[in-house]
Amino acid sequence: MLQMVASGRSVAALPKWLVAEYQRQMGIVPVRLGRHGISKQIFLGLRVTDTEIDYVAAFVKLARSKPQRGSSRA
């Protein structure tokens, strides 16, 4: 998807942190959609048996956290 955007053949609605990570190497730039951007939600589903796996627990914790104002995680 990023390669299609970089080649001028596509546009994509992506998190700002993802665009920032590839901006220099792929020549892409973030563009806000609307005056205030767009809001988003993430819904997670997982097996009860997987909740104690470290990387799963870390991902759930990250997904539940609210981004800091001015953070690149937006």
PDB file of N, CA and C in Angstrom:
ATOM      1  N   MET A   1       0.819  -1.176   0.000  1.00  0.00           N
ATOM      2  CA  MET A   1       0.000   0.000   0.000  1.00  0.00           C
ATOM      3  C   MET A   1       0.877   1.258   0.000  1.00  0.00           C
ATOM      4  N   LEU A   2       1.900   1.271   0.844  1.00  0.00           N
ATOM      5  CA  LEU A   2       2.789   2.433   0.886  1.00  0.00           C
ATOM      6  C   LEU A   2       3.523   2.626  -0.440  1.00  0.00           C
ATOM      7  N   GLN A   3       3.878   1.549  -1.093  1.00  0.00           N
ATOM      8  CA  GLN A   3       4.558   1.658  -2.383  1.00  0.00           C
ATOM      9  C   GLN A   3       3.635   2.249  -3.440  1.00  0.00           C
ATOM     10  N   MET A   4       2.354   1.904  -3.378  1.00  0.00           N
ATOM     11  CA  MET A   4       1.391   2.491  -4.321  1.00  0.00           C
ATOM     12  C   MET A   4       1.271   3.998  -4.084  1.00  0.00           C
ATOM     13  N   VAL A   5       1.228   4.409  -2.827  1.00  0.00           N
ATOM     14  CA  VAL A   5       1.167   5.839  -2.505  1.00  0.00           C
ATOM     15  C   VAL A   5       2.439   6.529  -2.984  1.00  0.00           C
ATOM     16  N   ALA A   6       3.593   5.946  -2.674  1.00  0.00           N
ATOM     17  CA  ALA A   6       4.879   6.534  -3.055  1.00  0.00           C
ATOM     18  C   ALA A   6       5.013   6.686  -4.563  1.00  0.00           C
ATOM     19  N   SER A   7       4.414   5.786  -5.324  1.00  0.00           N
ATOM     20  CA  SER A   7       4.517   5.858  -6.783  1.00  0.00           C
ATOM     21  C   SER A   7       3.462   6.776  -7.397  1.00  0.00           C
ATOM     22  N   GLY A   8       2.607   7.374  -6.556  1.00  0.00           N
ATOM     23  CA  GLY A   8       1.591   8.290  -7.070  1.00  0.00           C
ATOM     24  C   GLY A   8       0.388   7.584  -7.654  1.00  0.00           C
ATOM     25  N   ARG A   9       0.235   6.304  -7.372  1.00  0.00           N
ATOM     26  CA  ARG A   9      -0.862   5.526  -7.952  1.00  0.00           C
ATOM     27  C   ARG A   9      -2.002   5.289  -6.972  1.00  0.00           C
ATOM     28  N   SER A  10      -1.874   5.832  -5.739  1.00  0.00           N
ATOM     29  CA  SER A  10      -2.887   5.548  -4.732  1.00  0.00           C
ATOM     30  C   SER A  10      -2.810   6.581  -3.612  1.00  0.00           C
ATOM     31  N   VAL A  11      -3.836   6.608  -2.814  1.00  0.00           N
ATOM     32  CA  VAL A  11      -3.841   7.334  -1.547  1.00  0.00           C
ATOM     33  C   VAL A  11      -4.264   6.336  -0.488  1.00  0.00           C
ATOM     34  N   ALA A  12      -3.949   6.624   0.772  1.00  0.00           N
ATOM     35  CA  ALA A  12      -4.309   5.703   1.843  1.00  0.00           C
ATOM     36  C   ALA A  12      -4.556   6.476   3.131  1.00  0.00           C
ATOM     37  N   ALA A  13      -5.502   6.020   3.914  1.00  0.00           N
ATOM     38  CA  ALA A  13      -5.734   6.573   5.253  1.00  0.00           C
ATOM     39  C   ALA A  13      -4.955   5.698   6.229  1.00  0.00           C
ATOM     40  N   LEU A  14      -3.895   6.265   6.769  1.00  0.00           N
ATOM     41  CA  LEU A  14      -2.980   5.514   7.634  1.00  0.00           C
ATOM     42  C   LEU A  14      -2.711   6.295   8.909  1.00  0.00           C
ATOM     43  N   PRO A  15      -2.284   5.615   9.967  1.00  0.00           N
ATOM     44  CA  PRO A  15      -1.890   6.339  11.174  1.00  0.00           C
ATOM     45  C   PRO A  15      -0.669   7.217  10.902  1.00  0.00           C
ATOM     46  N   LYS A  16      -0.643   8.379  11.552  1.00  0.00           N
ATOM     47  CA  LYS A  16       0.465   9.316  11.340  1.00  0.00           C
ATOM     48  C   LYS A  16       1.808   8.689  11.695  1.00  0.00           C
ATOM     49  N   TRP A  17       1.843   7.833  12.737  1.00  0.00           N
ATOM     50  CA  TRP A  17       3.112   7.218  13.134  1.00  0.00           C
ATOM     51  C   TRP A  17       3.667   6.331  12.027  1.00  0.00           C
ATOM     52  N   LEU A  18       2.784   5.689  11.268  1.00  0.00           N
ATOM     53  CA  LEU A  18       3.247   4.822  10.184  1.00  0.00           C
ATOM     54  C   LEU A  18       3.822   5.652   9.042  1.00  0.00           C
ATOM     55  N   VAL A  19       3.135   6.721   8.689  1.00  0.00           N
ATOM     56  CA  VAL A  19       3.638   7.608   7.638  1.00  0.00           C
ATOM     57  C   VAL A  19       4.984   8.195   8.060  1.00  0.00           C
ATOM     58  N   ALA A  20       5.088   8.640   9.325  1.00  0.00           N
ATOM     59  CA  ALA A  20       6.335   9.229   9.816  1.00  0.00           C
ATOM     60  C   ALA A  20       7.494   8.242   9.713  1.00  0.00           C
ATOM     61  N   GLU A  21       7.214   6.972   9.968  1.00  0.00           N
ATOM     62  CA  GLU A  21       8.276   5.970   9.919  1.00  0.00           C
ATOM     63  C   GLU A  21       8.842   5.778   8.513  1.00  0.00           C
ATOM     64  N   TYR A  22       8.005   5.906   7.501  1.00  0.00           N
ATOM     65  CA  TYR A  22       8.438   5.654   6.121  1.00  0.00           C
ATOM     66  C   TYR A  22       8.555   6.922   5.278  1.00  0.00           C
ATOM     67  N   GLN A  23       8.292   8.070   5.863  1.00  0.00           N
ATOM     68  CA  GLN A  23       8.256   9.323   5.118  1.00  0.00           C
ATOM     69  C   GLN A  23       9.549   9.609   4.363  1.00  0.00           C
ATOM     70  N   ARG A  24      10.671   9.517   5.018  1.00  0.00           N
ATOM     71  CA  ARG A  24      11.948   9.853   4.374  1.00  0.00           C
ATOM     72  C   ARG A  24      12.331   8.853   3.297  1.00  0.00           C
ATOM     73  N   GLN A  25      12.219   7.587   3.590  1.00  0.00           N
ATOM     74  CA  GLN A  25      12.693   6.583   2.634  1.00  0.00           C
ATOM     75  C   GLN A  25      11.763   6.386   1.446  1.00  0.00           C
ATOM     76  N   MET A  26      10.470   6.728   1.597  1.00  0.00           N
ATOM     77  CA  MET A  26       9.534   6.496   0.498  1.00  0.00           C
ATOM     78  C   MET A  26       9.018   7.778  -0.139  1.00  0.00           C
ATOM     79  N   GLY A  27       9.363   8.924   0.439  1.00  0.00           N
ATOM     80  CA  GLY A  27       8.924  10.193  -0.141  1.00  0.00           C
ATOM     81  C   GLY A  27       7.432  10.430  -0.021  1.00  0.00           C
ATOM     82  N   ILE A  28       6.822   9.976   1.066  1.00  0.00           N
ATOM     83  CA  ILE A  28       5.392  10.198   1.286  1.00  0.00           C
ATOM     84  C   ILE A  28       5.224  11.252   2.379  1.00  0.00           C
ATOM     85  N   VAL A  29       4.076  11.904   2.399  1.00  0.00           N
ATOM     86  CA  VAL A  29       3.814  12.934   3.404  1.00  0.00           C
ATOM     87  C   VAL A  29       2.428  12.732   4.006  1.00  0.00           C
ATOM     88  N   PRO A  30       2.282  13.065   5.290  1.00  0.00           N
ATOM     89  CA  PRO A  30       0.946  12.972   5.907  1.00  0.00           C
ATOM     90  C   PRO A  30       0.098  14.177   5.505  1.00  0.00           C
ATOM     91  N   VAL A  31      -1.184  13.963   5.313  1.00  0.00           N
ATOM     92  CA  VAL A  31      -2.146  15.010   5.003  1.00  0.00           C
ATOM     93  C   VAL A  31      -3.349  14.791   5.909  1.00  0.00           C
ATOM     94  N   ARG A  32      -3.746  15.817   6.655  1.00  0.00           N
ATOM     95  CA  ARG A  32      -4.894  15.700   7.557  1.00  0.00           C
ATOM     96  C   ARG A  32      -6.179  15.643   6.736  1.00  0.00           C
ATOM     97  N   LEU A  33      -7.079  14.764   7.101  1.00  0.00           N
ATOM     98  CA  LEU A  33      -8.387  14.682   6.456  1.00  0.00           C
ATOM     99  C   LEU A  33      -9.381  15.514   7.264  1.00  0.00           C
ATOM    100  N   GLY A  34      -9.748  16.666   6.746  1.00  0.00           N
ATOM    101  CA  GLY A  34     -10.671  17.545   7.454  1.00  0.00           C
ATOM    102  C   GLY A  34      -9.959  18.424   8.471  1.00  0.00           C
ATOM    103  N   ARG A  35     -10.697  19.332   9.054  1.00  0.00           N
ATOM    104  CA  ARG A  35     -10.120  20.290   9.993  1.00  0.00           C
ATOM    105  C   ARG A  35      -9.518  19.620  11.220  1.00  0.00           C
ATOM    106  N   HIS A  36     -10.174  18.585  11.741  1.00  0.00           N
ATOM    107  CA  HIS A  36      -9.729  17.935  12.964  1.00  0.00           C
ATOM    108  C   HIS A  36      -9.217  16.513  12.733  1.00  0.00           C
ATOM    109  N   GLY A  37      -9.023  16.135  11.490  1.00  0.00           N
ATOM    110  CA  GLY A  37      -8.610  14.764  11.208  1.00  0.00           C
ATOM    111  C   GLY A  37      -9.792  13.820  11.375  1.00  0.00           C
ATOM    112  N   ILE A  38      -9.528  12.548  11.438  1.00  0.00           N
ATOM    113  CA  ILE A  38     -10.601  11.581  11.652  1.00  0.00           C
ATOM    114  C   ILE A  38     -10.295  10.791  12.921  1.00  0.00           C
ATOM    115  N   SER A  39     -11.356  10.431  13.626  1.00  0.00           N
ATOM    116  CA  SER A  39     -11.158   9.632  14.832  1.00  0.00           C
ATOM    117  C   SER A  39     -11.207   8.160  14.461  1.00  0.00           C
ATOM    118  N   LYS A  40     -10.664   7.347  15.337  1.00  0.00           N
ATOM    119  CA  LYS A  40     -10.615   5.918  15.053  1.00  0.00           C
ATOM    120  C   LYS A  40     -10.752   5.139  16.343  1.00  0.00           C
ATOM    121  N   GLN A  41     -11.115   3.896  16.213  1.00  0.00           N
ATOM    122  CA  GLN A  41     -11.194   2.979  17.336  1.00  0.00           C
ATOM    123  C   GLN A  41     -10.551   1.679  16.912  1.00  0.00           C
ATOM    124  N   ILE A  42     -10.098   0.931  17.891  1.00  0.00           N
ATOM    125  CA  ILE A  42      -9.582  -0.408  17.608  1.00  0.00           C
ATOM    126  C   ILE A  42     -10.349  -1.380  18.494  1.00  0.00           C
ATOM    127  N   PHE A  43     -10.779  -2.471  17.910  1.00  0.00           N
ATOM    128  CA  PHE A  43     -11.468  -3.513  18.648  1.00  0.00           C
ATOM    129  C   PHE A  43     -10.604  -4.762  18.590  1.00  0.00           C
ATOM    130  N   LEU A  44     -10.339  -5.337  19.731  1.00  0.00           N
ATOM    131  CA  LEU A  44      -9.488  -6.512  19.810  1.00  0.00           C
ATOM    132  C   LEU A  44     -10.296  -7.711  20.266  1.00  0.00           C
ATOM    133  N   GLY A  45      -9.972  -8.828  19.712  1.00  0.00           N
ATOM    134  CA  GLY A  45     -10.535 -10.092  20.166  1.00  0.00           C
ATOM    135  C   GLY A  45      -9.386 -11.068  20.379  1.00  0.00           C
ATOM    136  N   LEU A  46      -9.408 -11.783  21.470  1.00  0.00           N
ATOM    137  CA  LEU A  46      -8.361 -12.763  21.724  1.00  0.00           C
ATOM    138  C   LEU A  46      -8.894 -13.884  22.589  1.00  0.00           C
ATOM    139  N   ARG A  47      -8.189 -14.978  22.558  1.00  0.00           N
ATOM    140  CA  ARG A  47      -8.564 -16.137  23.369  1.00  0.00           C
ATOM    141  C   ARG A  47      -8.136 -15.896  24.813  1.00  0.00           C
ATOM    142  N   VAL A  48      -8.953 -16.329  25.747  1.00  0.00           N
ATOM    143  CA  VAL A  48      -8.629 -16.186  27.170  1.00  0.00           C
ATOM    144  C   VAL A  48      -7.271 -16.815  27.463  1.00  0.00           C
ATOM    145  N   THR A  49      -6.972 -17.917  26.819  1.00  0.00           N
ATOM    146  CA  THR A  49      -5.700 -18.616  27.065  1.00  0.00           C
ATOM    147  C   THR A  49      -4.484 -17.819  26.590  1.00  0.00           C
ATOM    148  N   ASP A  50      -4.697 -16.809  25.739  1.00  0.00           N
ATOM    149  CA  ASP A  50      -3.577 -16.020  25.220  1.00  0.00           C
ATOM    150  C   ASP A  50      -3.331 -14.738  26.013  1.00  0.00           C
ATOM    151  N   THR A  51      -4.181 -14.416  26.969  1.00  0.00           N
ATOM    152  CA  THR A  51      -4.052 -13.139  27.674  1.00  0.00           C
ATOM    153  C   THR A  51      -2.797 -13.045  28.528  1.00  0.00           C
ATOM    154  N   GLU A  52      -2.203 -14.159  28.876  1.00  0.00           N
ATOM    155  CA  GLU A  52      -0.998 -14.142  29.718  1.00  0.00           C
ATOM    156  C   GLU A  52       0.303 -14.145  28.901  1.00  0.00           C
ATOM    157  N   ILE A  53       0.211 -14.232  27.595  1.00  0.00           N
ATOM    158  CA  ILE A  53       1.402 -14.181  26.746  1.00  0.00           C
ATOM    159  C   ILE A  53       1.929 -12.745  26.762  1.00  0.00           C
ATOM    160  N   ASP A  54       3.203 -12.582  27.038  1.00  0.00           N
ATOM    161  CA  ASP A  54       3.783 -11.248  27.229  1.00  0.00           C
ATOM    162  C   ASP A  54       3.504 -10.291  26.077  1.00  0.00           C
ATOM    163  N   TYR A  55       3.766 -10.711  24.839  1.00  0.00           N
ATOM    164  CA  TYR A  55       3.592  -9.779  23.728  1.00  0.00           C
ATOM    165  C   TYR A  55       2.126  -9.460  23.476  1.00  0.00           C
ATOM    166  N   VAL A  56       1.234 -10.389  23.761  1.00  0.00           N
ATOM    167  CA  VAL A  56      -0.203 -10.122  23.619  1.00  0.00           C
ATOM    168  C   VAL A  56      -0.637  -9.119  24.689  1.00  0.00           C
ATOM    169  N   ALA A  57      -0.226  -9.351  25.929  1.00  0.00           N
ATOM    170  CA  ALA A  57      -0.567  -8.431  27.020  1.00  0.00           C
ATOM    171  C   ALA A  57      -0.016  -7.032  26.743  1.00  0.00           C
ATOM    172  N   ALA A  58       1.197  -6.936  26.208  1.00  0.00           N
ATOM    173  CA  ALA A  58       1.797  -5.637  25.893  1.00  0.00           C
ATOM    174  C   ALA A  58       1.010  -4.931  24.790  1.00  0.00           C
ATOM    175  N   PHE A  59       0.561  -5.675  23.798  1.00  0.00           N
ATOM    176  CA  PHE A  59      -0.218  -5.080  22.712  1.00  0.00           C
ATOM    177  C   PHE A  59      -1.551  -4.562  23.222  1.00  0.00           C
ATOM    178  N   VAL A  60      -2.225  -5.346  24.057  1.00  0.00           N
ATOM    179  CA  VAL A  60      -3.504  -4.920  24.627  1.00  0.00           C
ATOM    180  C   VAL A  60      -3.305  -3.659  25.468  1.00  0.00           C
ATOM    181  N   LYS A  61      -2.243  -3.613  26.259  1.00  0.00           N
ATOM    182  CA  LYS A  61      -1.948  -2.430  27.076  1.00  0.00           C
ATOM    183  C   LYS A  61      -1.726  -1.209  26.185  1.00  0.00           C
ATOM    184  N   LEU A  62      -0.968  -1.377  25.116  1.00  0.00           N
ATOM    185  CA  LEU A  62      -0.720  -0.277  24.187  1.00  0.00           C
ATOM    186  C   LEU A  62      -2.015   0.185  23.523  1.00  0.00           C
ATOM    187  N   ALA A  63      -2.839  -0.759  23.106  1.00  0.00           N
ATOM    188  CA  ALA A  63      -4.095  -0.419  22.438  1.00  0.00           C
ATOM    189  C   ALA A  63      -5.041   0.316  23.378  1.00  0.00           C
ATOM    190  N   ARG A  64      -4.990   0.017  24.662  1.00  0.00           N
ATOM    191  CA  ARG A  64      -5.866   0.674  25.643  1.00  0.00           C
ATOM    192  C   ARG A  64      -5.375   2.057  26.041  1.00  0.00           C
ATOM    193  N   SER A  65      -4.098   2.338  25.814  1.00  0.00           N
ATOM    194  CA  SER A  65      -3.538   3.616  26.254  1.00  0.00           C
ATOM    195  C   SER A  65      -4.011   4.747  25.356  1.00  0.00           C
ATOM    196  N   LYS A  66      -4.110   5.917  25.948  1.00  0.00           N
ATOM    197  CA  LYS A  66      -4.471   7.104  25.177  1.00  0.00           C
ATOM    198  C   LYS A  66      -3.179   7.783  24.743  1.00  0.00           C
ATOM    199  N   PRO A  67      -3.076   8.201  23.486  1.00  0.00           N
ATOM    200  CA  PRO A  67      -1.851   8.859  23.030  1.00  0.00           C
ATOM    201  C   PRO A  67      -1.644  10.183  23.746  1.00  0.00           C
ATOM    202  N   GLN A  68      -0.388  10.525  23.983  1.00  0.00           N
ATOM    203  CA  GLN A  68      -0.042  11.820  24.580  1.00  0.00           C
ATOM    204  C   GLN A  68      -0.284  12.905  23.540  1.00  0.00           C
ATOM    205  N   ARG A  69      -0.697  14.061  23.983  1.00  0.00           N
ATOM    206  CA  ARG A  69      -0.902  15.192  23.060  1.00  0.00           C
ATOM    207  C   ARG A  69       0.429  15.505  22.377  1.00  0.00           C
ATOM    208  N   GLY A  70       0.418  15.625  21.063  1.00  0.00           N
ATOM    209  CA  GLY A  70       1.635  15.905  20.311  1.00  0.00           C
ATOM    210  C   GLY A  70       2.450  14.656  20.028  1.00  0.00           C
ATOM    211  N   SER A  71       1.944  13.492  20.428  1.00  0.00           N
ATOM    212  CA  SER A  71       2.644  12.230  20.208  1.00  0.00           C
ATOM    213  C   SER A  71       2.594  11.859  18.741  1.00  0.00           C
ATOM    214  N   SER A  72       3.582  11.092  18.298  1.00  0.00           N
ATOM    215  CA  SER A  72       3.565  10.616  16.920  1.00  0.00           C
ATOM    216  C   SER A  72       2.632   9.436  16.746  1.00  0.00           C
ATOM    217  N   ARG A  73       2.073   8.937  17.850  1.00  0.00           N
ATOM    218  CA  ARG A  73       1.146   7.807  17.792  1.00  0.00           C
ATOM    219  C   ARG A  73      -0.258   8.333  17.625  1.00  0.00           C
ATOM    220  N   ALA A  74      -0.622   8.721  16.414  1.00  0.00           N
ATOM    221  CA  ALA A  74      -1.960   9.258  16.195  1.00  0.00           C
ATOM    222  C   ALA A  74      -2.589   8.700  14.965  1.00  0.00           C
TER     223      ALA A  74
END
